[in-house]
Amino acid sequence: MEKLDPYDRTLAYVYLQDDRMLNEELLREGLAKVVVFEPNKKYLEQFKTIEKSNRRKNWYVECKSR
């Protein structure tokens, strides 16, 4: 797993004290978007499924810079 993306941002799977994954919770709340930086694809399908589910529920929020 790569620890940094091409822009030197930290890449991590973050687990909460109750063993939930923060990455998944952010996707469920519509506060994150799936972005892949090879070779970090361990949870890709899982994350895409959550993201897709939120789009159907209209919970997905996308912010675009100008």
PDB file of N, CA and C in Angstrom:
ATOM      1  N   MET A   1       0.836  -1.173   0.000  1.00  0.00           N
ATOM      2  CA  MET A   1       0.000   0.000   0.000  1.00  0.00           C
ATOM      3  C   MET A   1       0.882   1.238   0.000  1.00  0.00           C
ATOM      4  N   GLU A   2       0.552   2.165  -0.882  1.00  0.00           N
ATOM      5  CA  GLU A   2       1.263   3.444  -0.908  1.00  0.00           C
ATOM      6  C   GLU A   2       0.785   4.296   0.260  1.00  0.00           C
ATOM      7  N   LYS A   3       1.680   5.043   0.878  1.00  0.00           N
ATOM      8  CA  LYS A   3       1.320   5.870   2.025  1.00  0.00           C
ATOM      9  C   LYS A   3       0.981   7.302   1.634  1.00  0.00           C
ATOM     10  N   LEU A   4       1.394   7.720   0.426  1.00  0.00           N
ATOM     11  CA  LEU A   4       1.117   9.075  -0.053  1.00  0.00           C
ATOM     12  C   LEU A   4       0.559   9.019  -1.467  1.00  0.00           C
ATOM     13  N   ASP A   5      -0.304   9.969  -1.798  1.00  0.00           N
ATOM     14  CA  ASP A   5      -0.794  10.061  -3.169  1.00  0.00           C
ATOM     15  C   ASP A   5       0.181  10.934  -3.971  1.00  0.00           C
ATOM     16  N   PRO A   6      -0.063  11.126  -5.270  1.00  0.00           N
ATOM     17  CA  PRO A   6       0.869  11.920  -6.082  1.00  0.00           C
ATOM     18  C   PRO A   6       1.040  13.365  -5.608  1.00  0.00           C
ATOM     19  N   TYR A   7       0.141  13.836  -4.744  1.00  0.00           N
ATOM     20  CA  TYR A   7       0.209  15.212  -4.237  1.00  0.00           C
ATOM     21  C   TYR A   7       0.757  15.259  -2.808  1.00  0.00           C
ATOM     22  N   ASP A   8       1.368  14.155  -2.362  1.00  0.00           N
ATOM     23  CA  ASP A   8       1.945  14.019  -1.018  1.00  0.00           C
ATOM     24  C   ASP A   8       0.924  14.087   0.110  1.00  0.00           C
ATOM     25  N   ARG A   9      -0.322  13.724  -0.169  1.00  0.00           N
ATOM     26  CA  ARG A   9      -1.344  13.625   0.873  1.00  0.00           C
ATOM     27  C   ARG A   9      -1.309  12.210   1.436  1.00  0.00           C
ATOM     28  N   THR A  10      -1.525  12.105   2.738  1.00  0.00           N
ATOM     29  CA  THR A  10      -1.503  10.805   3.406  1.00  0.00           C
ATOM     30  C   THR A  10      -2.697   9.957   2.985  1.00  0.00           C
ATOM     31  N   LEU A  11      -2.444   8.699   2.656  1.00  0.00           N
ATOM     32  CA  LEU A  11      -3.484   7.735   2.324  1.00  0.00           C
ATOM     33  C   LEU A  11      -3.563   6.725   3.458  1.00  0.00           C
ATOM     34  N   ALA A  12      -4.768   6.470   3.963  1.00  0.00           N
ATOM     35  CA  ALA A  12      -4.890   5.539   5.086  1.00  0.00           C
ATOM     36  C   ALA A  12      -6.297   4.979   5.176  1.00  0.00           C
ATOM     37  N   TYR A  13      -6.386   3.778   5.717  1.00  0.00           N
ATOM     38  CA  TYR A  13      -7.658   3.205   6.132  1.00  0.00           C
ATOM     39  C   TYR A  13      -7.723   3.461   7.630  1.00  0.00           C
ATOM     40  N   VAL A  14      -8.734   4.189   8.075  1.00  0.00           N
ATOM     41  CA  VAL A  14      -8.814   4.617   9.475  1.00  0.00           C
ATOM     42  C   VAL A  14      -9.931   3.854  10.175  1.00  0.00           C
ATOM     43  N   TYR A  15      -9.584   3.232  11.299  1.00  0.00           N
ATOM     44  CA  TYR A  15     -10.562   2.467  12.073  1.00  0.00           C
ATOM     45  C   TYR A  15     -10.880   3.192  13.374  1.00  0.00           C
ATOM     46  N   LEU A  16     -12.162   3.218  13.723  1.00  0.00           N
ATOM     47  CA  LEU A  16     -12.623   3.835  14.954  1.00  0.00           C
ATOM     48  C   LEU A  16     -12.525   2.837  16.099  1.00  0.00           C
ATOM     49  N   GLN A  17     -12.703   3.304  17.325  1.00  0.00           N
ATOM     50  CA  GLN A  17     -12.572   2.422  18.494  1.00  0.00           C
ATOM     51  C   GLN A  17     -13.577   1.276  18.469  1.00  0.00           C
ATOM     52  N   ASP A  18     -14.728   1.477  17.823  1.00  0.00           N
ATOM     53  CA  ASP A  18     -15.740   0.413  17.766  1.00  0.00           C
ATOM     54  C   ASP A  18     -15.568  -0.474  16.532  1.00  0.00           C
ATOM     55  N   ASP A  19     -14.394  -0.410  15.899  1.00  0.00           N
ATOM     56  CA  ASP A  19     -14.001  -1.231  14.744  1.00  0.00           C
ATOM     57  C   ASP A  19     -14.685  -0.860  13.442  1.00  0.00           C
ATOM     58  N   ARG A  20     -15.477   0.229  13.419  1.00  0.00           N
ATOM     59  CA  ARG A  20     -16.004   0.707  12.138  1.00  0.00           C
ATOM     60  C   ARG A  20     -14.875   1.420  11.401  1.00  0.00           C
ATOM     61  N   MET A  21     -14.959   1.422  10.065  1.00  0.00           N
ATOM     62  CA  MET A  21     -13.950   2.099   9.266  1.00  0.00           C
ATOM     63  C   MET A  21     -14.441   3.517   8.965  1.00  0.00           C
ATOM     64  N   LEU A  22     -13.657   4.506   9.334  1.00  0.00           N
ATOM     65  CA  LEU A  22     -14.019   5.904   9.102  1.00  0.00           C
ATOM     66  C   LEU A  22     -14.248   6.175   7.620  1.00  0.00           C
ATOM     67  N   ASN A  23     -13.425   5.592   6.768  1.00  0.00           N
ATOM     68  CA  ASN A  23     -13.563   5.782   5.326  1.00  0.00           C
ATOM     69  C   ASN A  23     -14.974   5.409   4.866  1.00  0.00           C
ATOM     70  N   GLU A  24     -15.486   4.283   5.348  1.00  0.00           N
ATOM     71  CA  GLU A  24     -16.835   3.837   4.980  1.00  0.00           C
ATOM     72  C   GLU A  24     -17.902   4.767   5.546  1.00  0.00           C
ATOM     73  N   GLU A  25     -17.718   5.213   6.777  1.00  0.00           N
ATOM     74  CA  GLU A  25     -18.702   6.090   7.410  1.00  0.00           C
ATOM     75  C   GLU A  25     -18.798   7.415   6.659  1.00  0.00           C
ATOM     76  N   LEU A  26     -17.678   7.951   6.224  1.00  0.00           N
ATOM     77  CA  LEU A  26     -17.687   9.200   5.454  1.00  0.00           C
ATOM     78  C   LEU A  26     -18.412   9.009   4.129  1.00  0.00           C
ATOM     79  N   LEU A  27     -18.205   7.877   3.476  1.00  0.00           N
ATOM     80  CA  LEU A  27     -18.920   7.574   2.233  1.00  0.00           C
ATOM     81  C   LEU A  27     -20.421   7.455   2.487  1.00  0.00           C
ATOM     82  N   ARG A  28     -20.800   6.765   3.551  1.00  0.00           N
ATOM     83  CA  ARG A  28     -22.222   6.591   3.884  1.00  0.00           C
ATOM     84  C   ARG A  28     -22.918   7.926   4.141  1.00  0.00           C
ATOM     85  N   GLU A  29     -22.197   8.857   4.737  1.00  0.00           N
ATOM     86  CA  GLU A  29     -22.767  10.167   5.061  1.00  0.00           C
ATOM     87  C   GLU A  29     -22.697  11.139   3.881  1.00  0.00           C
ATOM     88  N   GLY A  30     -22.102  10.698   2.781  1.00  0.00           N
ATOM     89  CA  GLY A  30     -21.985  11.562   1.615  1.00  0.00           C
ATOM     90  C   GLY A  30     -20.901  12.614   1.764  1.00  0.00           C
ATOM     91  N   LEU A  31     -19.964  12.394   2.674  1.00  0.00           N
ATOM     92  CA  LEU A  31     -18.912  13.364   2.952  1.00  0.00           C
ATOM     93  C   LEU A  31     -17.588  13.000   2.285  1.00  0.00           C
ATOM     94  N   ALA A  32     -17.598  11.934   1.504  1.00  0.00           N
ATOM     95  CA  ALA A  32     -16.380  11.502   0.819  1.00  0.00           C
ATOM     96  C   ALA A  32     -16.769  10.945  -0.544  1.00  0.00           C
ATOM     97  N   LYS A  33     -15.776  10.830  -1.394  1.00  0.00           N
ATOM     98  CA  LYS A  33     -15.953  10.308  -2.741  1.00  0.00           C
ATOM     99  C   LYS A  33     -14.838   9.294  -2.985  1.00  0.00           C
ATOM    100  N   VAL A  34     -15.148   8.231  -3.695  1.00  0.00           N
ATOM    101  CA  VAL A  34     -14.141   7.206  -3.987  1.00  0.00           C
ATOM    102  C   VAL A  34     -13.168   7.738  -5.036  1.00  0.00           C
ATOM    103  N   VAL A  35     -11.892   7.702  -4.678  1.00  0.00           N
ATOM    104  CA  VAL A  35     -10.801   8.062  -5.585  1.00  0.00           C
ATOM    105  C   VAL A  35      -9.741   6.986  -5.412  1.00  0.00           C
ATOM    106  N   VAL A  36      -9.225   6.475  -6.511  1.00  0.00           N
ATOM    107  CA  VAL A  36      -8.255   5.379  -6.449  1.00  0.00           C
ATOM    108  C   VAL A  36      -6.861   5.875  -6.800  1.00  0.00           C
ATOM    109  N   PHE A  37      -5.902   5.518  -5.952  1.00  0.00           N
ATOM    110  CA  PHE A  37      -4.496   5.754  -6.231  1.00  0.00           C
ATOM    111  C   PHE A  37      -3.827   4.384  -6.204  1.00  0.00           C
ATOM    112  N   GLU A  38      -3.504   3.861  -7.392  1.00  0.00           N
ATOM    113  CA  GLU A  38      -2.868   2.550  -7.506  1.00  0.00           C
ATOM    114  C   GLU A  38      -1.632   2.502  -6.623  1.00  0.00           C
ATOM    115  N   PRO A  39      -1.345   1.424  -5.965  1.00  0.00           N
ATOM    116  CA  PRO A  39      -2.002   0.128  -5.960  1.00  0.00           C
ATOM    117  C   PRO A  39      -3.024  -0.028  -4.823  1.00  0.00           C
ATOM    118  N   ASN A  40      -3.483   1.056  -4.248  1.00  0.00           N
ATOM    119  CA  ASN A  40      -4.374   1.006  -3.074  1.00  0.00           C
ATOM    120  C   ASN A  40      -5.802   0.702  -3.497  1.00  0.00           C
ATOM    121  N   LYS A  41      -6.094  -0.569  -3.734  1.00  0.00           N
ATOM    122  CA  LYS A  41      -7.426  -0.967  -4.207  1.00  0.00           C
ATOM    123  C   LYS A  41      -8.080  -2.008  -3.307  1.00  0.00           C
ATOM    124  N   LYS A  42      -7.545  -2.202  -2.117  1.00  0.00           N
ATOM    125  CA  LYS A  42      -8.011  -3.275  -1.246  1.00  0.00           C
ATOM    126  C   LYS A  42      -9.522  -3.221  -1.001  1.00  0.00           C
ATOM    127  N   TYR A  43     -10.071  -2.049  -0.770  1.00  0.00           N
ATOM    128  CA  TYR A  43     -11.494  -1.903  -0.454  1.00  0.00           C
ATOM    129  C   TYR A  43     -12.279  -1.209  -1.577  1.00  0.00           C
ATOM    130  N   LEU A  44     -11.727  -1.162  -2.757  1.00  0.00           N
ATOM    131  CA  LEU A  44     -12.332  -0.415  -3.858  1.00  0.00           C
ATOM    132  C   LEU A  44     -13.783  -0.807  -4.122  1.00  0.00           C
ATOM    133  N   GLU A  45     -14.055  -2.089  -4.303  1.00  0.00           N
ATOM    134  CA  GLU A  45     -15.421  -2.518  -4.626  1.00  0.00           C
ATOM    135  C   GLU A  45     -16.380  -2.200  -3.483  1.00  0.00           C
ATOM    136  N   GLN A  46     -15.940  -2.408  -2.271  1.00  0.00           N
ATOM    137  CA  GLN A  46     -16.738  -2.108  -1.080  1.00  0.00           C
ATOM    138  C   GLN A  46     -17.081  -0.610  -1.036  1.00  0.00           C
ATOM    139  N   PHE A  47     -16.078   0.244  -1.270  1.00  0.00           N
ATOM    140  CA  PHE A  47     -16.291   1.688  -1.249  1.00  0.00           C
ATOM    141  C   PHE A  47     -17.208   2.126  -2.388  1.00  0.00           C
ATOM    142  N   LYS A  48     -17.015   1.549  -3.581  1.00  0.00           N
ATOM    143  CA  LYS A  48     -17.859   1.921  -4.728  1.00  0.00           C
ATOM    144  C   LYS A  48     -19.314   1.539  -4.484  1.00  0.00           C
ATOM    145  N   THR A  49     -19.545   0.397  -3.845  1.00  0.00           N
ATOM    146  CA  THR A  49     -20.912  -0.040  -3.535  1.00  0.00           C
ATOM    147  C   THR A  49     -21.587   0.945  -2.585  1.00  0.00           C
ATOM    148  N   ILE A  50     -20.875   1.382  -1.569  1.00  0.00           N
ATOM    149  CA  ILE A  50     -21.432   2.355  -0.614  1.00  0.00           C
ATOM    150  C   ILE A  50     -21.709   3.676  -1.318  1.00  0.00           C
ATOM    151  N   GLU A  51     -20.762   4.147  -2.116  1.00  0.00           N
ATOM    152  CA  GLU A  51     -20.927   5.412  -2.832  1.00  0.00           C
ATOM    153  C   GLU A  51     -22.129   5.349  -3.780  1.00  0.00           C
ATOM    154  N   LYS A  52     -22.245   4.261  -4.516  1.00  0.00           N
ATOM    155  CA  LYS A  52     -23.350   4.099  -5.463  1.00  0.00           C
ATOM    156  C   LYS A  52     -24.692   4.081  -4.738  1.00  0.00           C
ATOM    157  N   SER A  53     -24.750   3.418  -3.605  1.00  0.00           N
ATOM    158  CA  SER A  53     -25.973   3.360  -2.809  1.00  0.00           C
ATOM    159  C   SER A  53     -26.394   4.760  -2.369  1.00  0.00           C
ATOM    160  N   ASN A  54     -25.447   5.584  -1.963  1.00  0.00           N
ATOM    161  CA  ASN A  54     -25.758   6.940  -1.528  1.00  0.00           C
ATOM    162  C   ASN A  54     -26.219   7.815  -2.672  1.00  0.00           C
ATOM    163  N   ARG A  55     -25.707   7.601  -3.858  1.00  0.00           N
ATOM    164  CA  ARG A  55     -26.163   8.382  -5.016  1.00  0.00           C
ATOM    165  C   ARG A  55     -27.633   8.106  -5.299  1.00  0.00           C
ATOM    166  N   ARG A  56     -28.043   6.841  -5.154  1.00  0.00           N
ATOM    167  CA  ARG A  56     -29.448   6.494  -5.387  1.00  0.00           C
ATOM    168  C   ARG A  56     -30.356   7.130  -4.349  1.00  0.00           C
ATOM    169  N   LYS A  57     -29.843   7.322  -3.133  1.00  0.00           N
ATOM    170  CA  LYS A  57     -30.633   7.901  -2.056  1.00  0.00           C
ATOM    171  C   LYS A  57     -30.572   9.426  -2.063  1.00  0.00           C
ATOM    172  N   ASN A  58     -29.836   9.994  -3.023  1.00  0.00           N
ATOM    173  CA  ASN A  58     -29.626  11.443  -3.086  1.00  0.00           C
ATOM    174  C   ASN A  58     -28.921  11.978  -1.844  1.00  0.00           C
ATOM    175  N   TRP A  59     -28.113  11.165  -1.214  1.00  0.00           N
ATOM    176  CA  TRP A  59     -27.343  11.603  -0.051  1.00  0.00           C
ATOM    177  C   TRP A  59     -25.936  12.031  -0.458  1.00  0.00           C
ATOM    178  N   TYR A  60     -25.600  11.780  -1.674  1.00  0.00           N
ATOM    179  CA  TYR A  60     -24.247  12.045  -2.132  1.00  0.00           C
ATOM    180  C   TYR A  60     -24.067  13.534  -2.366  1.00  0.00           C
ATOM    181  N   VAL A  61     -23.016  14.107  -1.814  1.00  0.00           N
ATOM    182  CA  VAL A  61     -22.724  15.527  -1.966  1.00  0.00           C
ATOM    183  C   VAL A  61     -21.432  15.652  -2.730  1.00  0.00           C
ATOM    184  N   GLU A  62     -21.432  16.447  -3.790  1.00  0.00           N
ATOM    185  CA  GLU A  62     -20.206  16.664  -4.552  1.00  0.00           C
ATOM    186  C   GLU A  62     -19.904  18.147  -4.564  1.00  0.00           C
ATOM    187  N   CYS A  63     -18.698  18.479  -4.150  1.00  0.00           N
ATOM    188  CA  CYS A  63     -18.261  19.873  -4.160  1.00  0.00           C
ATOM    189  C   CYS A  63     -17.269  20.041  -5.297  1.00  0.00           C
ATOM    190  N   LYS A  64     -17.458  21.066  -6.083  1.00  0.00           N
ATOM    191  CA  LYS A  64     -16.551  21.326  -7.195  1.00  0.00           C
ATOM    192  C   LYS A  64     -15.897  22.686  -6.984  1.00  0.00           C
ATOM    193  N   SER A  65     -14.597  22.740  -7.214  1.00  0.00           N
ATOM    194  CA  SER A  65     -13.911  24.019  -7.129  1.00  0.00           C
ATOM    195  C   SER A  65     -14.053  24.720  -8.473  1.00  0.00           C
ATOM    196  N   ARG A  66     -13.988  26.005  -8.429  1.00  0.00           N
ATOM    197  CA  ARG A  66     -14.151  26.799  -9.679  1.00  0.00           C
ATOM    198  C   ARG A  66     -12.866  26.999 -10.399  1.00  0.00           C
TER     199      ARG A  66
END
